[in-house]
Amino acid sequence: MSLVFFHGANVDDADREDWLRRNGHAGKPLRAVSTALLLDRCLSFERFGRSRGGGVVTLSVAPGHAVEGVVFEVEDEALALLDLKQGHPDAYLREMVHAVLPGGATCEAWIYDAPPSRRQGHVPPTRAYLDLIRRGLASHGLGMAAMEAAATGRPARPVVPWLFVYGTLRAGQANASLLEGLTRHPARTRGVLHDLGPYPVMRRGDGEVQGEIVPLEPARLVRLDALEEALPFGTPGGAYRRTVLEVRLSDGSRRRAQAYVSDAECAAPVIASGDWCALGDRRPAWDRHAAGRRG
């Protein structure tokens, strides 16, 4: 059994299952596990699909952006048929990625994407193909704004346009200058905050963490990822992992925001208030820590 992330026509259950049945699939229909996000990618239409009569969905690297889709459970027989459907490894390549689930956890899943040699620049899709994607995304509660922009070759706004910060990036803290000029809004999210001295670390959990959200500017992500020792695409393995969490603003409204979390166990004291700024001025401790990192 494998997990596969779909973001285009394969999200439509009727179209996908009809093709699988016509090509010999005798097993159960693919089961949707969860909606999910691929970080640091955006949608594009850079390949002509002969069976669709126009452009078909591809993915492009785009730091700070995200692609919405659905993760499905796929049996081995069905995966082999999907390889055939997508023309793997010629027309599309199947590759393993980390998809972000609601709540901020990740899962490993396959995706299909066109290799560079198969990309032709922007190729407009047909209305029938877009209607198929609209139907599929709507059936799973997902919107079409990013897909519509990609279909016309327009740059899309980030699907998750906010960044949640809770430690040294907050206003008045040691690394606040990395977000200079951005408007800050008080916010909070579920999680557990640990005190490591020069900086805090947030882990997913049942507590509450106080912080701020700022507009997510993709151009700043390289420096932010370097500060947090986070890998691109939300990949686990760094000191922190960039993920997506639901945050609550002071007016009670809710938004999705990218945030840096740790998946590692942490023995450092828990900050009971969930508020790093309530602990006093930790900038001298950060300066000593930063000097040690440079050395």
Protein backbone atom coordinates (compact mmCIF):
# COMPACT_ATOMS: atom_id res chain seq x y z
CA MET A 1 0.00 0.00 0.00
CA SER A 2 1.31 3.44 -0.95
CA LEU A 3 0.18 7.04 -0.47
CA VAL A 4 -0.17 9.26 -3.55
CA PHE A 5 -0.75 13.02 -3.56
CA PHE A 6 -3.10 14.16 -6.37
CA HIS A 7 -3.55 17.82 -7.28
CA GLY A 8 -5.01 17.79 -10.82
CA ALA A 9 -7.51 15.69 -12.77
CA ASN A 10 -6.81 12.58 -10.67
CA VAL A 11 -8.54 14.27 -7.72
CA ASP A 12 -11.85 13.69 -9.54
CA ASP A 13 -13.03 10.30 -8.31
CA ALA A 14 -15.32 9.48 -11.22
CA ASP A 15 -12.79 10.24 -13.96
CA ARG A 16 -9.92 8.45 -12.20
CA GLU A 17 -11.86 5.34 -11.21
CA ASP A 18 -13.44 5.02 -14.66
CA TRP A 19 -9.98 5.01 -16.27
CA LEU A 20 -8.67 2.45 -13.77
CA ARG A 21 -11.64 0.11 -14.34
CA ARG A 22 -11.33 0.37 -18.13
CA ASN A 23 -7.68 -0.60 -17.82
CA GLY A 24 -8.15 -3.67 -15.69
CA HIS A 25 -8.29 -2.49 -12.07
CA ALA A 26 -10.43 -4.99 -10.18
CA GLY A 27 -9.69 -3.78 -6.63
CA LYS A 28 -11.43 -1.28 -4.40
CA PRO A 29 -11.63 2.39 -5.41
CA LEU A 30 -8.78 4.52 -4.15
CA ARG A 31 -9.53 5.84 -0.66
CA ALA A 32 -8.97 9.51 0.15
CA VAL A 33 -6.95 9.81 3.37
CA SER A 34 -6.72 13.57 3.84
CA THR A 35 -6.36 16.90 2.16
CA ALA A 36 -2.72 18.03 2.21
CA LEU A 37 -0.24 20.65 1.00
CA LEU A 38 3.03 20.54 -0.89
CA LEU A 39 5.27 23.38 0.29
CA ASP A 40 7.53 25.52 -1.90
CA ARG A 41 5.72 24.57 -5.10
CA CYS A 42 3.11 26.20 -7.30
CA LEU A 43 0.83 24.98 -10.07
CA SER A 44 1.67 25.47 -13.73
CA PHE A 45 0.57 24.22 -17.15
CA GLU A 46 3.80 23.48 -18.96
CA ARG A 47 3.03 20.31 -20.84
CA PHE A 48 0.64 19.46 -23.67
CA GLY A 49 -1.53 16.45 -22.87
CA ARG A 50 -2.64 14.70 -26.04
CA SER A 51 -5.55 12.91 -24.34
CA ARG A 52 -6.75 16.21 -22.83
CA GLY A 53 -6.28 18.30 -25.97
CA GLY A 54 -4.44 21.09 -24.18
CA GLY A 55 -2.22 21.97 -21.26
CA VAL A 56 -2.11 19.65 -18.27
CA VAL A 57 -1.08 20.38 -14.71
CA THR A 58 2.59 20.48 -13.74
CA LEU A 59 4.42 21.71 -10.64
CA SER A 60 7.06 24.41 -10.40
CA VAL A 61 9.46 25.18 -7.57
CA ALA A 62 8.27 28.34 -5.81
CA PRO A 63 9.61 29.05 -2.28
CA GLY A 64 6.85 30.17 0.08
CA HIS A 65 4.02 28.90 -2.08
CA ALA A 66 2.00 25.74 -1.55
CA VAL A 67 -0.14 23.40 -3.63
CA GLU A 68 -3.38 21.98 -2.25
CA GLY A 69 -4.37 18.43 -3.02
CA VAL A 70 -5.57 15.12 -1.62
CA VAL A 71 -3.60 12.11 -0.36
CA PHE A 72 -5.00 8.73 -1.41
CA GLU A 73 -4.21 5.17 -0.36
CA VAL A 74 -3.18 3.17 -3.43
CA GLU A 75 -2.71 -0.59 -3.69
CA ASP A 76 0.30 -1.88 -5.62
CA GLU A 77 -1.80 -2.99 -8.60
CA ALA A 78 -3.46 0.42 -8.85
CA LEU A 79 -0.09 2.18 -8.52
CA ALA A 80 1.23 0.25 -11.52
CA LEU A 81 -1.85 1.35 -13.50
CA LEU A 82 -1.37 4.96 -12.40
CA ASP A 83 2.19 4.75 -13.69
CA LEU A 84 0.71 3.71 -17.03
CA LYS A 85 -1.94 6.46 -16.92
CA GLN A 86 0.65 9.15 -16.20
CA GLY A 87 3.24 7.80 -18.63
CA HIS A 88 5.87 7.20 -15.94
CA PRO A 89 8.83 7.58 -16.34
CA ASP A 90 8.65 9.31 -19.73
CA ALA A 91 5.79 11.84 -19.75
CA TYR A 92 5.63 12.14 -15.96
CA LEU A 93 8.01 11.04 -13.24
CA ARG A 94 6.80 9.49 -10.00
CA GLU A 95 8.78 10.87 -7.08
CA MET A 96 8.52 10.78 -3.29
CA VAL A 97 7.73 13.98 -1.39
CA HIS A 98 6.62 15.05 2.08
CA ALA A 99 3.04 16.33 2.17
CA VAL A 100 1.80 18.50 5.05
CA LEU A 101 -1.41 17.25 6.65
CA PRO A 102 -3.97 19.34 8.57
CA GLY A 103 -2.53 19.95 12.03
CA GLY A 104 1.04 20.21 10.74
CA ALA A 105 2.16 16.57 10.59
CA THR A 106 3.74 15.19 7.41
CA CYS A 107 3.47 12.00 5.42
CA GLU A 108 5.57 10.55 2.62
CA ALA A 109 3.61 10.33 -0.61
CA TRP A 110 4.24 9.84 -4.31
CA ILE A 111 3.53 12.60 -6.80
CA TYR A 112 3.57 12.65 -10.58
CA ASP A 113 5.24 15.61 -12.25
CA ALA A 114 6.64 16.35 -15.70
CA PRO A 115 10.44 16.21 -16.06
CA PRO A 116 12.20 19.32 -17.44
CA SER A 117 12.63 17.66 -20.84
CA ARG A 118 8.84 17.43 -21.21
CA ARG A 119 8.05 21.05 -20.35
CA GLN A 120 7.08 23.41 -23.15
CA GLY A 121 6.38 26.72 -21.46
CA HIS A 122 2.80 27.75 -20.71
CA VAL A 123 0.19 25.64 -22.52
CA PRO A 124 -3.43 26.75 -21.94
CA PRO A 125 -5.75 23.95 -20.77
CA THR A 126 -9.15 23.25 -22.28
CA ARG A 127 -12.33 24.27 -20.49
CA ALA A 128 -13.38 20.62 -20.21
CA TYR A 129 -10.13 19.72 -18.44
CA LEU A 130 -10.46 22.64 -16.02
CA ASP A 131 -14.10 21.72 -15.32
CA LEU A 132 -12.93 18.21 -14.43
CA ILE A 133 -10.40 19.60 -11.95
CA ARG A 134 -12.99 22.03 -10.54
CA ARG A 135 -15.36 19.15 -9.86
CA GLY A 136 -12.66 17.08 -8.17
CA LEU A 137 -11.29 19.82 -5.96
CA ALA A 138 -14.77 21.00 -4.94
CA SER A 139 -15.73 17.46 -3.92
CA HIS A 140 -12.90 17.51 -1.38
CA GLY A 141 -13.58 21.07 -0.16
CA LEU A 142 -10.63 22.66 -1.99
CA GLY A 143 -10.65 25.92 -3.91
CA MET A 144 -9.65 26.70 -7.49
CA ALA A 145 -8.06 30.17 -7.21
CA ALA A 146 -4.47 28.95 -7.63
CA MET A 147 -5.47 26.59 -10.46
CA GLU A 148 -7.37 29.34 -12.31
CA ALA A 149 -4.35 31.65 -12.09
CA ALA A 150 -2.02 28.95 -13.36
CA ALA A 151 -4.37 28.14 -16.24
CA THR A 152 -3.99 31.68 -17.59
CA GLY A 153 -0.26 31.87 -16.88
CA ARG A 154 -0.73 34.50 -14.17
CA PRO A 155 1.36 34.43 -10.99
CA ALA A 156 -0.73 33.18 -8.10
CA ARG A 157 -0.86 34.55 -4.59
CA PRO A 158 0.53 32.13 -1.97
CA VAL A 159 -2.13 29.66 -0.85
CA VAL A 160 -0.89 30.12 2.75
CA PRO A 161 0.06 33.83 2.81
CA TRP A 162 1.06 34.16 6.48
CA LEU A 163 4.01 33.22 8.69
CA PHE A 164 3.51 32.55 12.42
CA VAL A 165 6.46 33.48 14.65
CA TYR A 166 6.76 32.85 18.39
CA GLY A 167 10.40 33.37 19.43
CA THR A 168 13.38 35.42 18.32
CA LEU A 169 11.52 36.64 15.20
CA ARG A 170 8.83 38.41 17.27
CA ALA A 171 8.76 42.19 17.59
CA GLY A 172 11.58 43.45 19.82
CA GLN A 173 13.42 40.12 19.82
CA ALA A 174 16.89 39.28 18.54
CA ASN A 175 15.98 38.39 14.94
CA ALA A 176 13.01 40.69 14.43
CA SER A 177 14.97 42.64 11.80
CA LEU A 178 14.56 39.72 9.38
CA LEU A 179 10.86 40.68 9.21
CA GLU A 180 11.42 44.45 9.19
CA GLY A 181 8.66 46.44 7.53
CA LEU A 182 6.00 43.73 7.78
CA THR A 183 2.76 44.33 9.67
CA ARG A 184 2.39 42.08 12.70
CA HIS A 185 -0.85 40.74 14.16
CA PRO A 186 -1.09 39.01 17.57
CA ALA A 187 -2.01 35.34 17.12
CA ARG A 188 -1.93 32.02 18.91
CA THR A 189 -1.92 28.38 17.90
CA ARG A 190 -1.97 24.92 19.42
CA GLY A 191 1.42 23.66 20.51
CA VAL A 192 3.91 23.31 23.35
CA LEU A 193 6.71 25.85 23.80
CA HIS A 194 10.04 24.85 25.41
CA ASP A 195 12.64 27.23 26.85
CA LEU A 196 16.13 26.52 25.47
CA GLY A 197 17.62 29.69 26.94
CA PRO A 198 18.63 31.82 23.92
CA TYR A 199 15.52 30.80 21.98
CA PRO A 200 12.37 28.68 22.30
CA VAL A 201 11.29 25.62 20.37
CA MET A 202 7.69 24.77 19.53
CA ARG A 203 6.42 21.24 19.22
CA ARG A 204 2.95 20.23 18.10
CA GLY A 205 0.77 19.47 21.10
CA ASP A 206 -2.28 20.38 23.16
CA GLY A 207 -1.05 23.60 24.75
CA GLU A 208 -1.29 27.13 23.38
CA VAL A 209 1.55 29.20 21.97
CA GLN A 210 1.43 32.98 21.75
CA GLY A 211 3.00 34.78 18.82
CA GLU A 212 2.39 36.95 15.79
CA ILE A 213 1.58 36.47 12.14
CA VAL A 214 3.20 38.50 9.37
CA PRO A 215 2.67 38.40 5.61
CA LEU A 216 4.76 35.62 4.13
CA GLU A 217 7.29 37.09 1.69
CA PRO A 218 8.92 34.28 -0.33
CA ALA A 219 12.06 36.38 -0.91
CA ARG A 220 12.84 36.25 2.83
CA LEU A 221 12.51 32.48 3.18
CA VAL A 222 16.11 31.60 2.33
CA ARG A 223 17.39 33.59 5.31
CA LEU A 224 14.59 32.37 7.57
CA ASP A 225 15.17 28.72 6.66
CA ALA A 226 18.90 29.22 7.29
CA LEU A 227 18.22 30.78 10.70
CA GLU A 228 15.97 27.87 11.70
CA GLU A 229 18.18 25.25 10.00
CA ALA A 230 15.10 24.05 8.12
CA LEU A 231 15.16 22.16 4.83
CA PRO A 232 13.16 23.43 1.83
CA PHE A 233 9.81 21.87 0.85
CA GLY A 234 8.95 21.28 4.53
CA THR A 235 11.20 18.22 4.52
CA PRO A 236 11.97 16.69 7.94
CA GLY A 237 15.58 16.32 9.02
CA GLY A 238 16.61 19.87 9.91
CA ALA A 239 16.69 21.43 13.36
CA TYR A 240 13.20 22.76 12.60
CA ARG A 241 10.60 21.84 10.00
CA ARG A 242 8.51 24.43 8.20
CA THR A 243 4.87 23.38 8.25
CA VAL A 244 1.35 24.86 8.18
CA LEU A 245 -0.77 25.44 11.29
CA GLU A 246 -4.13 27.00 12.00
CA VAL A 247 -3.76 30.20 14.01
CA ARG A 248 -6.34 32.32 15.81
CA LEU A 249 -6.23 36.10 15.79
CA SER A 250 -7.33 38.38 18.63
CA ASP A 251 -10.68 38.99 16.89
CA GLY A 252 -11.40 35.24 16.89
CA SER A 253 -10.83 34.72 13.16
CA ARG A 254 -8.74 31.77 11.98
CA ARG A 255 -6.09 31.61 9.29
CA ARG A 256 -3.51 29.16 8.04
CA ALA A 257 0.12 30.16 8.53
CA GLN A 258 3.48 28.58 7.90
CA ALA A 259 5.53 28.05 11.06
CA TYR A 260 8.77 26.44 12.21
CA VAL A 261 8.28 23.47 14.53
CA SER A 262 10.44 20.68 15.90
CA ASP A 263 9.48 17.00 15.73
CA ALA A 264 12.18 15.92 18.21
CA GLU A 265 11.55 15.09 21.84
CA CYS A 266 12.59 17.98 24.08
CA ALA A 267 13.58 17.79 27.75
CA ALA A 268 13.88 21.58 28.16
CA PRO A 269 11.39 23.27 30.50
CA VAL A 270 7.94 23.99 29.12
CA ILE A 271 6.94 27.65 29.03
CA ALA A 272 3.61 27.33 30.82
CA SER A 273 2.23 30.62 29.51
CA GLY A 274 3.18 29.70 25.95
CA ASP A 275 4.57 33.23 25.62
CA TRP A 276 8.31 33.58 24.94
CA CYS A 277 8.23 37.37 25.32
CA ALA A 278 6.93 37.05 28.89
CA LEU A 279 10.29 35.60 30.00
CA GLY A 280 12.16 38.89 29.75
CA ASP A 281 15.01 40.06 27.55
CA ARG A 282 16.85 37.06 26.11
CA ARG A 283 18.76 39.01 23.45
CA PRO A 284 22.13 38.83 25.31
CA ALA A 285 21.76 35.06 25.53
CA TRP A 286 20.98 34.90 21.81
CA ASP A 287 23.99 37.06 20.96
CA ARG A 288 26.27 34.63 22.83
CA HIS A 289 24.60 31.69 21.11
CA ALA A 290 24.90 33.28 17.66
CA ALA A 291 28.57 34.05 18.24
CA GLY A 292 29.17 30.39 19.10
CA ARG A 293 27.41 29.29 15.92
CA ARG A 294 29.58 31.59 13.81
CA GLY A 295 32.71 30.35 15.54
